[in-house]
Amino acid sequence: MGSHVPVISGRKVAQTFQRFGWTVDRQQASHIIMTKAGEVVSLSVPDHKEVARGTPRNLIRAANVTVDQFLAAL
């Protein structure tokens, strides 16, 4: 769990999850809502220039992706 998630933009986070099969479903105010076939959860990615450090980790956990897989796709 020593992998370090860099401070990145919400759009970059969304682009990275698209590599894992997530699609942008809609944009609701300042959040990008992403869905994936077969997944019960949806991801709510803040569309900010810089996303708080813990946010990508929470999204990574919700998407059933490891931090290392996320960083490799980044």
PDB file of N, CA and C in Angstrom:
ATOM      1  N   MET A   1       0.838  -1.187   0.000  1.00  0.00           N
ATOM      2  CA  MET A   1       0.000   0.000   0.000  1.00  0.00           C
ATOM      3  C   MET A   1       0.878   1.244   0.000  1.00  0.00           C
ATOM      4  N   GLY A   2       2.139   1.084  -0.355  1.00  0.00           N
ATOM      5  CA  GLY A   2       3.042   2.214  -0.364  1.00  0.00           C
ATOM      6  C   GLY A   2       2.991   3.019  -1.653  1.00  0.00           C
ATOM      7  N   SER A   3       2.168   2.584  -2.619  1.00  0.00           N
ATOM      8  CA  SER A   3       2.083   3.299  -3.883  1.00  0.00           C
ATOM      9  C   SER A   3       1.501   4.685  -3.669  1.00  0.00           C
ATOM     10  N   HIS A   4       2.092   5.643  -4.317  1.00  0.00           N
ATOM     11  CA  HIS A   4       1.734   7.045  -4.130  1.00  0.00           C
ATOM     12  C   HIS A   4       0.912   7.536  -5.319  1.00  0.00           C
ATOM     13  N   VAL A   5      -0.313   7.961  -5.058  1.00  0.00           N
ATOM     14  CA  VAL A   5      -1.168   8.494  -6.117  1.00  0.00           C
ATOM     15  C   VAL A   5      -0.869   9.986  -6.239  1.00  0.00           C
ATOM     16  N   PRO A   6      -0.430  10.442  -7.406  1.00  0.00           N
ATOM     17  CA  PRO A   6      -0.093  11.864  -7.565  1.00  0.00           C
ATOM     18  C   PRO A   6      -1.350  12.739  -7.588  1.00  0.00           C
ATOM     19  N   VAL A   7      -1.170  14.024  -7.382  1.00  0.00           N
ATOM     20  CA  VAL A   7      -2.279  14.965  -7.499  1.00  0.00           C
ATOM     21  C   VAL A   7      -2.511  15.185  -8.989  1.00  0.00           C
ATOM     22  N   ILE A   8      -3.701  14.820  -9.463  1.00  0.00           N
ATOM     23  CA  ILE A   8      -4.027  14.924 -10.883  1.00  0.00           C
ATOM     24  C   ILE A   8      -5.409  15.543 -11.052  1.00  0.00           C
ATOM     25  N   SER A   9      -5.752  15.880 -12.281  1.00  0.00           N
ATOM     26  CA  SER A   9      -7.055  16.505 -12.552  1.00  0.00           C
ATOM     27  C   SER A   9      -8.151  15.434 -12.602  1.00  0.00           C
ATOM     28  N   GLY A  10      -9.378  15.880 -12.385  1.00  0.00           N
ATOM     29  CA  GLY A  10     -10.519  14.972 -12.464  1.00  0.00           C
ATOM     30  C   GLY A  10     -10.666  14.364 -13.838  1.00  0.00           C
ATOM     31  N   ARG A  11     -10.396  15.154 -14.876  1.00  0.00           N
ATOM     32  CA  ARG A  11     -10.501  14.631 -16.249  1.00  0.00           C
ATOM     33  C   ARG A  11      -9.483  13.516 -16.486  1.00  0.00           C
ATOM     34  N   LYS A  12      -8.284  13.662 -15.920  1.00  0.00           N
ATOM     35  CA  LYS A  12      -7.245  12.636 -16.057  1.00  0.00           C
ATOM     36  C   LYS A  12      -7.666  11.360 -15.326  1.00  0.00           C
ATOM     37  N   VAL A  13      -8.294  11.530 -14.154  1.00  0.00           N
ATOM     38  CA  VAL A  13      -8.813  10.377 -13.411  1.00  0.00           C
ATOM     39  C   VAL A  13      -9.857   9.656 -14.260  1.00  0.00           C
ATOM     40  N   ALA A  14     -10.792  10.417 -14.846  1.00  0.00           N
ATOM     41  CA  ALA A  14     -11.854   9.829 -15.678  1.00  0.00           C
ATOM     42  C   ALA A  14     -11.262   9.103 -16.884  1.00  0.00           C
ATOM     43  N   GLN A  15     -10.274   9.715 -17.540  1.00  0.00           N
ATOM     44  CA  GLN A  15      -9.631   9.084 -18.707  1.00  0.00           C
ATOM     45  C   GLN A  15      -8.984   7.770 -18.308  1.00  0.00           C
ATOM     46  N   THR A  16      -8.373   7.743 -17.131  1.00  0.00           N
ATOM     47  CA  THR A  16      -7.717   6.523 -16.670  1.00  0.00           C
ATOM     48  C   THR A  16      -8.737   5.416 -16.425  1.00  0.00           C
ATOM     49  N   PHE A  17      -9.874   5.752 -15.798  1.00  0.00           N
ATOM     50  CA  PHE A  17     -10.900   4.726 -15.561  1.00  0.00           C
ATOM     51  C   PHE A  17     -11.512   4.235 -16.870  1.00  0.00           C
ATOM     52  N   GLN A  18     -11.525   5.079 -17.910  1.00  0.00           N
ATOM     53  CA  GLN A  18     -12.035   4.636 -19.209  1.00  0.00           C
ATOM     54  C   GLN A  18     -11.190   3.496 -19.758  1.00  0.00           C
ATOM     55  N   ARG A  19      -9.922   3.453 -19.417  1.00  0.00           N
ATOM     56  CA  ARG A  19      -9.042   2.363 -19.861  1.00  0.00           C
ATOM     57  C   ARG A  19      -9.437   1.033 -19.224  1.00  0.00           C
ATOM     58  N   PHE A  20     -10.188   1.097 -18.107  1.00  0.00           N
ATOM     59  CA  PHE A  20     -10.667  -0.117 -17.437  1.00  0.00           C
ATOM     60  C   PHE A  20     -12.107  -0.455 -17.815  1.00  0.00           C
ATOM     61  N   GLY A  21     -12.640   0.233 -18.828  1.00  0.00           N
ATOM     62  CA  GLY A  21     -13.978  -0.087 -19.316  1.00  0.00           C
ATOM     63  C   GLY A  21     -15.091   0.785 -18.754  1.00  0.00           C
ATOM     64  N   TRP A  22     -14.761   1.765 -17.934  1.00  0.00           N
ATOM     65  CA  TRP A  22     -15.775   2.682 -17.406  1.00  0.00           C
ATOM     66  C   TRP A  22     -16.091   3.722 -18.469  1.00  0.00           C
ATOM     67  N   THR A  23     -17.353   4.130 -18.548  1.00  0.00           N
ATOM     68  CA  THR A  23     -17.752   5.146 -19.522  1.00  0.00           C
ATOM     69  C   THR A  23     -18.391   6.331 -18.801  1.00  0.00           C
ATOM     70  N   VAL A  24     -18.250   7.503 -19.412  1.00  0.00           N
ATOM     71  CA  VAL A  24     -18.881   8.696 -18.856  1.00  0.00           C
ATOM     72  C   VAL A  24     -20.370   8.599 -19.149  1.00  0.00           C
ATOM     73  N   ASP A  25     -21.162   8.524 -18.100  1.00  0.00           N
ATOM     74  CA  ASP A  25     -22.617   8.397 -18.229  1.00  0.00           C
ATOM     75  C   ASP A  25     -23.244   9.775 -18.376  1.00  0.00           C
ATOM     76  N   ARG A  26     -22.818  10.701 -17.511  1.00  0.00           N
ATOM     77  CA  ARG A  26     -23.344  12.070 -17.554  1.00  0.00           C
ATOM     78  C   ARG A  26     -22.450  12.967 -16.721  1.00  0.00           C
ATOM     79  N   GLN A  27     -22.666  14.251 -16.844  1.00  0.00           N
ATOM     80  CA  GLN A  27     -21.968  15.205 -15.994  1.00  0.00           C
ATOM     81  C   GLN A  27     -23.023  15.906 -15.163  1.00  0.00           C
ATOM     82  N   GLN A  28     -22.845  15.890 -13.865  1.00  0.00           N
ATOM     83  CA  GLN A  28     -23.799  16.484 -12.944  1.00  0.00           C
ATOM     84  C   GLN A  28     -23.055  17.563 -12.164  1.00  0.00           C
ATOM     85  N   ALA A  29     -23.349  18.824 -12.486  1.00  0.00           N
ATOM     86  CA  ALA A  29     -22.646  19.968 -11.886  1.00  0.00           C
ATOM     87  C   ALA A  29     -21.150  19.792 -12.116  1.00  0.00           C
ATOM     88  N   SER A  30     -20.352  19.743 -11.059  1.00  0.00           N
ATOM     89  CA  SER A  30     -18.903  19.643 -11.247  1.00  0.00           C
ATOM     90  C   SER A  30     -18.402  18.216 -11.059  1.00  0.00           C
ATOM     91  N   HIS A  31     -19.265  17.218 -11.289  1.00  0.00           N
ATOM     92  CA  HIS A  31     -18.849  15.826 -11.154  1.00  0.00           C
ATOM     93  C   HIS A  31     -19.145  15.044 -12.426  1.00  0.00           C
ATOM     94  N   ILE A  32     -18.187  14.196 -12.804  1.00  0.00           N
ATOM     95  CA  ILE A  32     -18.330  13.307 -13.957  1.00  0.00           C
ATOM     96  C   ILE A  32     -18.810  11.966 -13.403  1.00  0.00           C
ATOM     97  N   ILE A  33     -19.987  11.535 -13.842  1.00  0.00           N
ATOM     98  CA  ILE A  33     -20.555  10.275 -13.356  1.00  0.00           C
ATOM     99  C   ILE A  33     -20.205   9.184 -14.365  1.00  0.00           C
ATOM    100  N   MET A  34     -19.512   8.140 -13.880  1.00  0.00           N
ATOM    101  CA  MET A  34     -19.058   7.052 -14.749  1.00  0.00           C
ATOM    102  C   MET A  34     -19.730   5.745 -14.349  1.00  0.00           C
ATOM    103  N   THR A  35     -20.065   4.934 -15.352  1.00  0.00           N
ATOM    104  CA  THR A  35     -20.678   3.631 -15.105  1.00  0.00           C
ATOM    105  C   THR A  35     -19.935   2.564 -15.906  1.00  0.00           C
ATOM    106  N   LYS A  36     -20.148   1.314 -15.505  1.00  0.00           N
ATOM    107  CA  LYS A  36     -19.540   0.189 -16.216  1.00  0.00           C
ATOM    108  C   LYS A  36     -20.526  -0.960 -16.203  1.00  0.00           C
ATOM    109  N   ALA A  37     -20.699  -1.605 -17.346  1.00  0.00           N
ATOM    110  CA  ALA A  37     -21.614  -2.744 -17.449  1.00  0.00           C
ATOM    111  C   ALA A  37     -21.216  -3.811 -16.435  1.00  0.00           C
ATOM    112  N   GLY A  38     -22.200  -4.331 -15.722  1.00  0.00           N
ATOM    113  CA  GLY A  38     -21.933  -5.383 -14.749  1.00  0.00           C
ATOM    114  C   GLY A  38     -21.552  -4.875 -13.372  1.00  0.00           C
ATOM    115  N   GLU A  39     -21.326  -3.580 -13.226  1.00  0.00           N
ATOM    116  CA  GLU A  39     -20.968  -3.002 -11.926  1.00  0.00           C
ATOM    117  C   GLU A  39     -22.186  -2.332 -11.317  1.00  0.00           C
ATOM    118  N   VAL A  40     -22.406  -2.550 -10.038  1.00  0.00           N
ATOM    119  CA  VAL A  40     -23.535  -1.960  -9.336  1.00  0.00           C
ATOM    120  C   VAL A  40     -23.243  -0.490  -9.024  1.00  0.00           C
ATOM    121  N   VAL A  41     -21.979  -0.205  -8.683  1.00  0.00           N
ATOM    122  CA  VAL A  41     -21.609   1.157  -8.284  1.00  0.00           C
ATOM    123  C   VAL A  41     -21.364   2.042  -9.502  1.00  0.00           C
ATOM    124  N   SER A  42     -21.490   3.340  -9.293  1.00  0.00           N
ATOM    125  CA  SER A  42     -21.060   4.309 -10.295  1.00  0.00           C
ATOM    126  C   SER A  42     -19.969   5.145  -9.637  1.00  0.00           C
ATOM    127  N   LEU A  43     -19.111   5.721 -10.450  1.00  0.00           N
ATOM    128  CA  LEU A  43     -18.023   6.554  -9.931  1.00  0.00           C
ATOM    129  C   LEU A  43     -18.386   8.013 -10.133  1.00  0.00           C
ATOM    130  N   SER A  44     -18.208   8.801  -9.098  1.00  0.00           N
ATOM    131  CA  SER A  44     -18.468  10.235  -9.171  1.00  0.00           C
ATOM    132  C   SER A  44     -17.122  10.949  -9.075  1.00  0.00           C
ATOM    133  N   VAL A  45     -16.598  11.357 -10.233  1.00  0.00           N
ATOM    134  CA  VAL A  45     -15.268  11.967 -10.311  1.00  0.00           C
ATOM    135  C   VAL A  45     -15.412  13.484 -10.318  1.00  0.00           C
ATOM    136  N   PRO A  46     -14.831  14.179  -9.338  1.00  0.00           N
ATOM    137  CA  PRO A  46     -14.913  15.639  -9.343  1.00  0.00           C
ATOM    138  C   PRO A  46     -14.178  16.209 -10.557  1.00  0.00           C
ATOM    139  N   ASP A  47     -14.826  17.092 -11.286  1.00  0.00           N
ATOM    140  CA  ASP A  47     -14.210  17.710 -12.470  1.00  0.00           C
ATOM    141  C   ASP A  47     -13.455  18.963 -12.028  1.00  0.00           C
ATOM    142  N   HIS A  48     -12.377  18.737 -11.285  1.00  0.00           N
ATOM    143  CA  HIS A  48     -11.558  19.835 -10.769  1.00  0.00           C
ATOM    144  C   HIS A  48     -10.168  19.777 -11.398  1.00  0.00           C
ATOM    145  N   LYS A  49      -9.471  20.901 -11.370  1.00  0.00           N
ATOM    146  CA  LYS A  49      -8.109  20.946 -11.903  1.00  0.00           C
ATOM    147  C   LYS A  49      -7.186  20.036 -11.098  1.00  0.00           C
ATOM    148  N   GLU A  50      -7.389  20.027  -9.778  1.00  0.00           N
ATOM    149  CA  GLU A  50      -6.637  19.125  -8.904  1.00  0.00           C
ATOM    150  C   GLU A  50      -7.623  18.428  -7.980  1.00  0.00           C
ATOM    151  N   VAL A  51      -7.572  17.099  -7.981  1.00  0.00           N
ATOM    152  CA  VAL A  51      -8.459  16.300  -7.148  1.00  0.00           C
ATOM    153  C   VAL A  51      -7.715  15.995  -5.839  1.00  0.00           C
ATOM    154  N   ALA A  52      -8.411  16.110  -4.716  1.00  0.00           N
ATOM    155  CA  ALA A  52      -7.809  15.813  -3.406  1.00  0.00           C
ATOM    156  C   ALA A  52      -7.207  14.412  -3.410  1.00  0.00           C
ATOM    157  N   ARG A  53      -6.078  14.261  -2.738  1.00  0.00           N
ATOM    158  CA  ARG A  53      -5.321  13.004  -2.762  1.00  0.00           C
ATOM    159  C   ARG A  53      -6.129  11.752  -2.443  1.00  0.00           C
ATOM    160  N   GLY A  54      -7.015  11.810  -1.467  1.00  0.00           N
ATOM    161  CA  GLY A  54      -7.763  10.618  -1.061  1.00  0.00           C
ATOM    162  C   GLY A  54      -8.844  10.220  -2.046  1.00  0.00           C
ATOM    163  N   THR A  55      -9.296  11.157  -2.872  1.00  0.00           N
ATOM    164  CA  THR A  55     -10.403  10.881  -3.787  1.00  0.00           C
ATOM    165  C   THR A  55     -10.076   9.778  -4.801  1.00  0.00           C
ATOM    166  N   PRO A  56      -8.944   9.861  -5.511  1.00  0.00           N
ATOM    167  CA  PRO A  56      -8.636   8.755  -6.448  1.00  0.00           C
ATOM    168  C   PRO A  56      -8.539   7.405  -5.745  1.00  0.00           C
ATOM    169  N   ARG A  57      -7.985   7.374  -4.538  1.00  0.00           N
ATOM    170  CA  ARG A  57      -7.883   6.108  -3.792  1.00  0.00           C
ATOM    171  C   ARG A  57      -9.261   5.521  -3.521  1.00  0.00           C
ATOM    172  N   ASN A  58     -10.212   6.378  -3.110  1.00  0.00           N
ATOM    173  CA  ASN A  58     -11.572   5.907  -2.856  1.00  0.00           C
ATOM    174  C   ASN A  58     -12.222   5.396  -4.138  1.00  0.00           C
ATOM    175  N   LEU A  59     -11.995   6.098  -5.244  1.00  0.00           N
ATOM    176  CA  LEU A  59     -12.553   5.673  -6.533  1.00  0.00           C
ATOM    177  C   LEU A  59     -11.911   4.370  -7.002  1.00  0.00           C
ATOM    178  N   ILE A  60     -10.608   4.247  -6.802  1.00  0.00           N
ATOM    179  CA  ILE A  60      -9.877   3.031  -7.182  1.00  0.00           C
ATOM    180  C   ILE A  60     -10.468   1.842  -6.421  1.00  0.00           C
ATOM    181  N   ARG A  61     -10.714   2.020  -5.128  1.00  0.00           N
ATOM    182  CA  ARG A  61     -11.292   0.957  -4.302  1.00  0.00           C
ATOM    183  C   ARG A  61     -12.691   0.596  -4.807  1.00  0.00           C
ATOM    184  N   ALA A  62     -13.501   1.613  -5.102  1.00  0.00           N
ATOM    185  CA  ALA A  62     -14.875   1.377  -5.566  1.00  0.00           C
ATOM    186  C   ALA A  62     -14.897   0.669  -6.922  1.00  0.00           C
ATOM    187  N   ALA A  63     -13.888   0.928  -7.749  1.00  0.00           N
ATOM    188  CA  ALA A  63     -13.831   0.346  -9.095  1.00  0.00           C
ATOM    189  C   ALA A  63     -13.198  -1.043  -9.113  1.00  0.00           C
ATOM    190  N   ASN A  64     -12.794  -1.557  -7.952  1.00  0.00           N
ATOM    191  CA  ASN A  64     -12.129  -2.861  -7.859  1.00  0.00           C
ATOM    192  C   ASN A  64     -10.865  -2.927  -8.703  1.00  0.00           C
ATOM    193  N   VAL A  65     -10.089  -1.855  -8.626  1.00  0.00           N
ATOM    194  CA  VAL A  65      -8.802  -1.765  -9.321  1.00  0.00           C
ATOM    195  C   VAL A  65      -7.752  -1.551  -8.242  1.00  0.00           C
ATOM    196  N   THR A  66      -6.549  -2.063  -8.439  1.00  0.00           N
ATOM    197  CA  THR A  66      -5.497  -1.789  -7.456  1.00  0.00           C
ATOM    198  C   THR A  66      -4.844  -0.451  -7.776  1.00  0.00           C
ATOM    199  N   VAL A  67      -4.211   0.123  -6.777  1.00  0.00           N
ATOM    200  CA  VAL A  67      -3.508   1.387  -6.970  1.00  0.00           C
ATOM    201  C   VAL A  67      -2.432   1.211  -8.034  1.00  0.00           C
ATOM    202  N   ASP A  68      -1.728   0.082  -7.996  1.00  0.00           N
ATOM    203  CA  ASP A  68      -0.664  -0.161  -8.984  1.00  0.00           C
ATOM    204  C   ASP A  68      -1.228  -0.270 -10.399  1.00  0.00           C
ATOM    205  N   GLN A  69      -2.384  -0.906 -10.557  1.00  0.00           N
ATOM    206  CA  GLN A  69      -3.015  -0.986 -11.888  1.00  0.00           C
ATOM    207  C   GLN A  69      -3.407   0.410 -12.363  1.00  0.00           C
ATOM    208  N   PHE A  70      -3.958   1.218 -11.454  1.00  0.00           N
ATOM    209  CA  PHE A  70      -4.362   2.583 -11.796  1.00  0.00           C
ATOM    210  C   PHE A  70      -3.150   3.400 -12.239  1.00  0.00           C
ATOM    211  N   LEU A  71      -2.068   3.319 -11.462  1.00  0.00           N
ATOM    212  CA  LEU A  71      -0.855   4.075 -11.784  1.00  0.00           C
ATOM    213  C   LEU A  71      -0.252   3.632 -13.112  1.00  0.00           C
ATOM    214  N   ALA A  72      -0.318   2.335 -13.404  1.00  0.00           N
ATOM    215  CA  ALA A  72       0.203   1.825 -14.671  1.00  0.00           C
ATOM    216  C   ALA A  72      -0.615   2.351 -15.844  1.00  0.00           C
ATOM    217  N   ALA A  73      -1.927   2.487 -15.649  1.00  0.00           N
ATOM    218  CA  ALA A  73      -2.815   2.974 -16.726  1.00  0.00           C
ATOM    219  C   ALA A  73      -2.739   4.493 -16.865  1.00  0.00           C
ATOM    220  N   LEU A  74      -2.268   5.150 -15.829  1.00  0.00           N
ATOM    221  CA  LEU A  74      -2.191   6.611 -15.842  1.00  0.00           C
ATOM    222  C   LEU A  74      -1.215   7.058 -16.908  1.00  0.00           C
TER     223      LEU A  74
END
